[in-house]
């Protein structure tokens, strides 16, 4: 996938103004693993830290399968 412009919040998270969806998912997953954010009782649930809350506003946790849909609004037309 080719890089696309992203929202300021996502650009802050990934460190670039343009990025591919695949790369965003890889970076989010790397952050989740590095910060040990998987719910120990259900690994499919991700506990949002402050960094994730900036790209998933209003969410204290997200389901792993929700992430792909939740990043869509951050990709600008």
N, C-alpha and C. Protein backbone atom coordinates (compact mmCIF):
# COMPACT_ATOMS: atom_id res chain seq x y z
N UNK A 1 0.85 -1.19 0.00
CA UNK A 1 0.00 0.00 0.00
C UNK A 1 0.88 1.24 0.00
N UNK A 2 0.41 2.25 -0.70
CA UNK A 2 1.22 3.46 -0.77
C UNK A 2 0.91 4.38 0.42
N UNK A 3 1.90 5.18 0.81
CA UNK A 3 1.69 6.11 1.93
C UNK A 3 0.62 7.14 1.60
N UNK A 4 -0.16 7.48 2.62
CA UNK A 4 -1.19 8.51 2.50
C UNK A 4 -1.04 9.51 3.64
N UNK A 5 -1.55 10.72 3.41
CA UNK A 5 -1.52 11.73 4.47
C UNK A 5 -2.39 11.27 5.63
N UNK A 6 -1.93 11.57 6.84
CA UNK A 6 -2.68 11.18 8.03
C UNK A 6 -2.95 12.41 8.90
N UNK A 7 -3.88 12.23 9.83
CA UNK A 7 -4.26 13.31 10.76
C UNK A 7 -3.05 13.71 11.61
N UNK A 8 -3.10 14.91 12.18
CA UNK A 8 -2.00 15.34 13.06
C UNK A 8 -1.77 14.37 14.23
N UNK A 9 -2.85 13.82 14.78
CA UNK A 9 -2.72 12.88 15.91
C UNK A 9 -1.97 11.62 15.48
N UNK A 10 -2.33 11.11 14.31
CA UNK A 10 -1.66 9.90 13.82
C UNK A 10 -0.22 10.22 13.41
N UNK A 11 -0.01 11.37 12.79
CA UNK A 11 1.35 11.77 12.41
C UNK A 11 2.25 11.85 13.64
N UNK A 12 1.70 12.35 14.74
CA UNK A 12 2.45 12.42 15.99
C UNK A 12 2.78 11.01 16.49
N UNK A 13 1.82 10.10 16.38
CA UNK A 13 2.02 8.72 16.84
C UNK A 13 3.10 8.01 16.02
N UNK A 14 3.01 8.13 14.68
CA UNK A 14 3.93 7.38 13.81
C UNK A 14 5.20 8.15 13.47
N UNK A 15 5.20 9.46 13.71
CA UNK A 15 6.39 10.26 13.44
C UNK A 15 6.57 10.67 11.99
N UNK A 16 5.48 10.66 11.20
CA UNK A 16 5.56 11.05 9.80
C UNK A 16 4.19 11.54 9.32
N UNK A 17 4.18 12.51 8.39
CA UNK A 17 2.89 13.02 7.90
C UNK A 17 2.21 12.11 6.89
N UNK A 18 2.98 11.19 6.29
CA UNK A 18 2.42 10.23 5.34
C UNK A 18 2.90 8.84 5.70
N UNK A 19 1.98 7.89 5.67
CA UNK A 19 2.32 6.51 6.05
C UNK A 19 1.27 5.58 5.46
N UNK A 20 1.64 4.33 5.23
CA UNK A 20 0.68 3.35 4.72
C UNK A 20 -0.12 2.75 5.88
N UNK A 21 -1.30 2.24 5.57
CA UNK A 21 -2.12 1.58 6.60
C UNK A 21 -1.36 0.42 7.23
N UNK A 22 -0.66 -0.34 6.39
CA UNK A 22 0.08 -1.49 6.89
C UNK A 22 1.13 -1.06 7.91
N UNK A 23 1.85 0.02 7.60
CA UNK A 23 2.88 0.51 8.51
C UNK A 23 2.26 1.01 9.81
N UNK A 24 1.11 1.70 9.72
CA UNK A 24 0.43 2.17 10.93
C UNK A 24 0.09 0.99 11.83
N UNK A 25 -0.49 -0.05 11.25
CA UNK A 25 -0.86 -1.23 12.05
C UNK A 25 0.37 -1.86 12.69
N UNK A 26 1.47 -1.94 11.96
CA UNK A 26 2.71 -2.50 12.51
C UNK A 26 3.21 -1.66 13.69
N UNK A 27 3.17 -0.34 13.53
CA UNK A 27 3.65 0.54 14.60
C UNK A 27 2.75 0.49 15.83
N UNK A 28 1.45 0.43 15.61
CA UNK A 28 0.53 0.32 16.75
C UNK A 28 0.78 -0.99 17.48
N UNK A 29 0.88 -2.08 16.74
CA UNK A 29 1.10 -3.38 17.36
C UNK A 29 2.44 -3.41 18.11
N UNK A 30 3.49 -2.82 17.53
CA UNK A 30 4.79 -2.76 18.20
C UNK A 30 4.66 -1.99 19.52
N UNK A 31 3.92 -0.88 19.51
CA UNK A 31 3.72 -0.09 20.73
C UNK A 31 2.96 -0.90 21.78
N UNK A 32 1.94 -1.63 21.34
CA UNK A 32 1.16 -2.47 22.26
C UNK A 32 2.06 -3.51 22.92
N UNK A 33 2.88 -4.16 22.13
CA UNK A 33 3.78 -5.21 22.65
C UNK A 33 4.83 -4.62 23.59
N UNK A 34 5.49 -3.53 23.15
CA UNK A 34 6.55 -2.90 23.94
C UNK A 34 6.03 -2.39 25.28
N UNK A 35 4.79 -1.90 25.29
CA UNK A 35 4.21 -1.32 26.50
C UNK A 35 3.37 -2.31 27.28
N UNK A 36 3.31 -3.56 26.81
CA UNK A 36 2.56 -4.62 27.50
C UNK A 36 1.11 -4.20 27.75
N UNK A 37 0.42 -3.82 26.68
CA UNK A 37 -0.93 -3.27 26.81
C UNK A 37 -2.05 -4.28 26.55
N UNK A 38 -1.70 -5.54 26.28
CA UNK A 38 -2.75 -6.54 26.11
C UNK A 38 -3.33 -6.88 27.48
N UNK A 39 -4.65 -6.98 27.54
CA UNK A 39 -5.34 -7.36 28.77
C UNK A 39 -4.91 -8.79 29.12
N UNK A 40 -4.33 -9.00 30.30
CA UNK A 40 -3.85 -10.35 30.64
C UNK A 40 -4.96 -11.39 30.68
N UNK A 41 -6.19 -10.98 30.98
CA UNK A 41 -7.28 -11.95 31.06
C UNK A 41 -7.92 -12.24 29.70
N UNK A 42 -7.69 -11.35 28.72
CA UNK A 42 -8.20 -11.57 27.36
C UNK A 42 -7.27 -10.83 26.40
N UNK A 43 -6.35 -11.55 25.81
CA UNK A 43 -5.30 -10.95 24.96
C UNK A 43 -5.85 -10.23 23.73
N UNK A 44 -7.13 -10.45 23.40
CA UNK A 44 -7.73 -9.76 22.25
C UNK A 44 -8.09 -8.32 22.58
N UNK A 45 -8.10 -7.97 23.86
CA UNK A 45 -8.40 -6.61 24.29
C UNK A 45 -7.12 -5.85 24.58
N UNK A 46 -7.07 -4.63 24.09
CA UNK A 46 -5.91 -3.77 24.26
C UNK A 46 -6.29 -2.63 25.21
N UNK A 47 -5.51 -2.46 26.25
CA UNK A 47 -5.72 -1.38 27.21
C UNK A 47 -5.02 -0.14 26.66
N UNK A 48 -5.75 0.94 26.46
CA UNK A 48 -5.18 2.15 25.86
C UNK A 48 -4.40 2.96 26.89
N UNK A 49 -3.14 3.24 26.56
CA UNK A 49 -2.36 4.17 27.37
C UNK A 49 -2.61 5.58 26.79
N UNK A 50 -1.93 6.59 27.32
CA UNK A 50 -2.17 7.96 26.87
C UNK A 50 -1.87 8.13 25.39
N UNK A 51 -0.84 7.46 24.90
CA UNK A 51 -0.46 7.58 23.49
C UNK A 51 -1.56 7.01 22.59
N UNK A 52 -2.12 5.86 22.95
CA UNK A 52 -3.20 5.28 22.14
C UNK A 52 -4.49 6.08 22.27
N UNK A 53 -4.73 6.66 23.44
CA UNK A 53 -5.95 7.45 23.63
C UNK A 53 -5.98 8.68 22.72
N UNK A 54 -4.81 9.15 22.29
CA UNK A 54 -4.77 10.29 21.36
C UNK A 54 -5.26 9.90 19.97
N UNK A 55 -5.09 8.62 19.59
CA UNK A 55 -5.58 8.20 18.27
C UNK A 55 -6.91 7.45 18.36
N UNK A 56 -7.26 7.01 19.57
CA UNK A 56 -8.55 6.36 19.81
C UNK A 56 -9.27 7.14 20.91
N UNK A 57 -9.68 8.40 20.65
CA UNK A 57 -10.25 9.24 21.70
C UNK A 57 -11.51 8.63 22.31
N UNK A 58 -11.62 8.81 23.63
CA UNK A 58 -12.79 8.31 24.34
C UNK A 58 -12.77 6.83 24.62
N UNK A 59 -11.68 6.15 24.29
CA UNK A 59 -11.60 4.70 24.48
C UNK A 59 -10.57 4.38 25.55
N UNK A 60 -10.97 3.57 26.53
CA UNK A 60 -10.04 3.08 27.53
C UNK A 60 -9.44 1.75 27.11
N UNK A 61 -10.18 1.03 26.27
CA UNK A 61 -9.64 -0.19 25.67
C UNK A 61 -10.30 -0.41 24.33
N UNK A 62 -9.61 -1.16 23.47
CA UNK A 62 -10.13 -1.49 22.15
C UNK A 62 -9.92 -2.97 21.90
N UNK A 63 -10.76 -3.53 21.08
CA UNK A 63 -10.58 -4.91 20.67
C UNK A 63 -9.56 -4.96 19.55
N UNK A 64 -8.75 -6.00 19.53
CA UNK A 64 -7.71 -6.12 18.51
C UNK A 64 -8.30 -5.98 17.11
N UNK A 65 -9.44 -6.60 16.87
CA UNK A 65 -10.04 -6.57 15.54
C UNK A 65 -10.66 -5.21 15.19
N UNK A 66 -10.85 -4.35 16.19
CA UNK A 66 -11.41 -3.01 15.95
C UNK A 66 -10.38 -2.04 15.40
N UNK A 67 -9.12 -2.29 15.66
CA UNK A 67 -8.07 -1.32 15.37
C UNK A 67 -8.06 -0.89 13.91
N UNK A 68 -8.17 -1.84 12.99
CA UNK A 68 -8.14 -1.50 11.56
C UNK A 68 -9.24 -0.50 11.20
N UNK A 69 -10.42 -0.66 11.78
CA UNK A 69 -11.51 0.27 11.52
C UNK A 69 -11.31 1.61 12.21
N UNK A 70 -10.75 1.59 13.40
CA UNK A 70 -10.57 2.82 14.16
C UNK A 70 -9.50 3.74 13.57
N UNK A 71 -8.57 3.19 12.79
CA UNK A 71 -7.55 4.05 12.20
C UNK A 71 -8.03 4.72 10.91
N UNK A 72 -9.09 4.21 10.32
CA UNK A 72 -9.57 4.74 9.03
C UNK A 72 -9.79 6.26 9.02
N UNK A 73 -10.44 6.84 10.04
CA UNK A 73 -10.67 8.29 10.00
C UNK A 73 -9.37 9.11 10.01
N UNK A 74 -8.27 8.51 10.40
CA UNK A 74 -6.99 9.24 10.45
C UNK A 74 -6.34 9.38 9.08
N UNK A 75 -6.82 8.63 8.09
CA UNK A 75 -6.27 8.74 6.74
C UNK A 75 -7.07 9.78 5.97
N UNK A 76 -6.39 10.85 5.56
CA UNK A 76 -7.05 11.98 4.92
C UNK A 76 -7.22 11.73 3.43
N UNK A 77 -8.24 12.30 2.89
CA UNK A 77 -8.54 12.13 1.45
C UNK A 77 -7.65 13.03 0.62
